[in-house]
Amino acid sequence: MTVSDARARLADVVDAARVGHHPVYLTRRGQRVAAVIDADDLDRLFAAAEDFADIEAVRAAREEIAAGEPTIPWAQVKADLGLA
């Protein structure tokens, strides 16, 4: 949908994204420039992205340990964070 069309029918665009749980892509000169997405769906996407980043960080840490990289003692981690 073009940005101009979306501007004229904003309430319909929002309802379509909210009810259909599919993003409504907005275009300008035939190129996608934005998307309208249900707020709860966006929250779920952010949570999934954070989970994925955590999983990747764990994978990288395990690879470092397997490669013989030294680990940081728990007491030092607590001290560095001001918890000790």
Protein backbone atom coordinates (compact mmCIF):
# COMPACT_ATOMS: atom_id res chain seq x y z
CA MET A 1 0.00 0.00 0.00
CA THR A 2 1.35 3.43 -0.81
CA VAL A 3 2.06 5.89 1.96
CA SER A 4 -0.53 8.23 0.42
CA ASP A 5 -3.21 5.53 0.48
CA ALA A 6 -2.31 4.62 4.06
CA ARG A 7 -2.55 8.25 5.13
CA ALA A 8 -6.07 8.44 3.73
CA ARG A 9 -7.12 5.17 5.39
CA LEU A 10 -4.98 5.08 8.54
CA ALA A 11 -7.65 3.55 10.78
CA ASP A 12 -8.22 0.73 8.27
CA VAL A 13 -4.47 0.09 7.99
CA VAL A 14 -4.09 -0.13 11.77
CA ASP A 15 -7.10 -2.44 12.08
CA ALA A 16 -5.79 -4.70 9.29
CA ALA A 17 -2.43 -5.08 11.04
CA ARG A 18 -4.01 -5.56 14.47
CA VAL A 19 -6.72 -8.03 13.49
CA GLY A 20 -4.87 -9.92 10.76
CA HIS A 21 -1.56 -10.15 12.68
CA HIS A 22 0.29 -9.50 9.42
CA PRO A 23 2.33 -6.37 8.79
CA VAL A 24 0.96 -3.87 6.31
CA TYR A 25 3.89 -2.66 4.21
CA LEU A 26 3.90 0.94 3.06
CA THR A 27 5.56 1.85 -0.20
CA ARG A 28 6.91 4.96 -1.84
CA ARG A 29 7.70 4.85 -5.57
CA GLY A 30 7.28 1.08 -5.49
CA GLN A 31 9.78 0.49 -2.69
CA ARG A 32 8.85 -0.68 0.81
CA VAL A 33 9.68 2.08 3.27
CA ALA A 34 7.78 1.16 6.44
CA ALA A 35 5.42 -1.36 8.01
CA VAL A 36 2.47 -1.13 10.35
CA ILE A 37 2.44 -4.04 12.77
CA ASP A 38 0.33 -5.03 15.77
CA ALA A 39 2.00 -3.80 18.97
CA ASP A 40 1.78 -7.20 20.71
CA ASP A 41 3.31 -8.90 17.66
CA LEU A 42 6.17 -6.39 17.77
CA ASP A 43 6.74 -7.12 21.47
CA ARG A 44 6.93 -10.85 20.67
CA LEU A 45 9.43 -10.17 17.87
CA PHE A 46 11.64 -8.13 20.21
CA ALA A 47 11.51 -10.88 22.84
CA ALA A 48 12.39 -13.52 20.24
CA ALA A 49 15.31 -11.40 18.99
CA GLU A 50 16.61 -11.00 22.55
CA ASP A 51 16.31 -14.76 23.13
CA PHE A 52 18.19 -15.44 19.89
CA ALA A 53 20.95 -13.00 20.89
CA ASP A 54 21.27 -14.78 24.25
CA ILE A 55 21.48 -18.18 22.55
CA GLU A 56 24.17 -16.89 20.19
CA ALA A 57 26.15 -15.43 23.12
CA VAL A 58 26.05 -18.79 24.91
CA ARG A 59 27.15 -20.59 21.74
CA ALA A 60 30.08 -18.20 21.31
CA ALA A 61 31.10 -18.57 24.96
CA ARG A 62 31.02 -22.37 24.68
CA GLU A 63 33.19 -22.21 21.57
CA GLU A 64 35.71 -20.00 23.41
CA ILE A 65 35.84 -22.44 26.33
CA ALA A 66 36.21 -25.40 23.96
CA ALA A 67 39.08 -23.57 22.24
CA GLY A 68 40.87 -23.29 25.59
CA GLU A 69 40.12 -19.65 26.38
CA PRO A 70 40.40 -19.01 30.12
CA THR A 71 37.19 -18.52 32.07
CA ILE A 72 36.53 -15.74 34.56
CA PRO A 73 36.10 -16.88 38.17
CA TRP A 74 32.65 -16.20 39.66
CA ALA A 75 34.17 -14.20 42.51
CA GLN A 76 35.78 -11.84 40.00
CA VAL A 77 32.52 -11.42 38.06
CA LYS A 78 30.70 -10.49 41.28
CA ALA A 79 33.45 -8.06 42.23
CA ASP A 80 33.44 -6.46 38.76
CA LEU A 81 29.68 -5.95 39.04
CA GLY A 82 29.96 -4.56 42.55
CA LEU A 83 28.13 -7.53 44.06
CA ALA A 84 30.92 -8.79 46.28
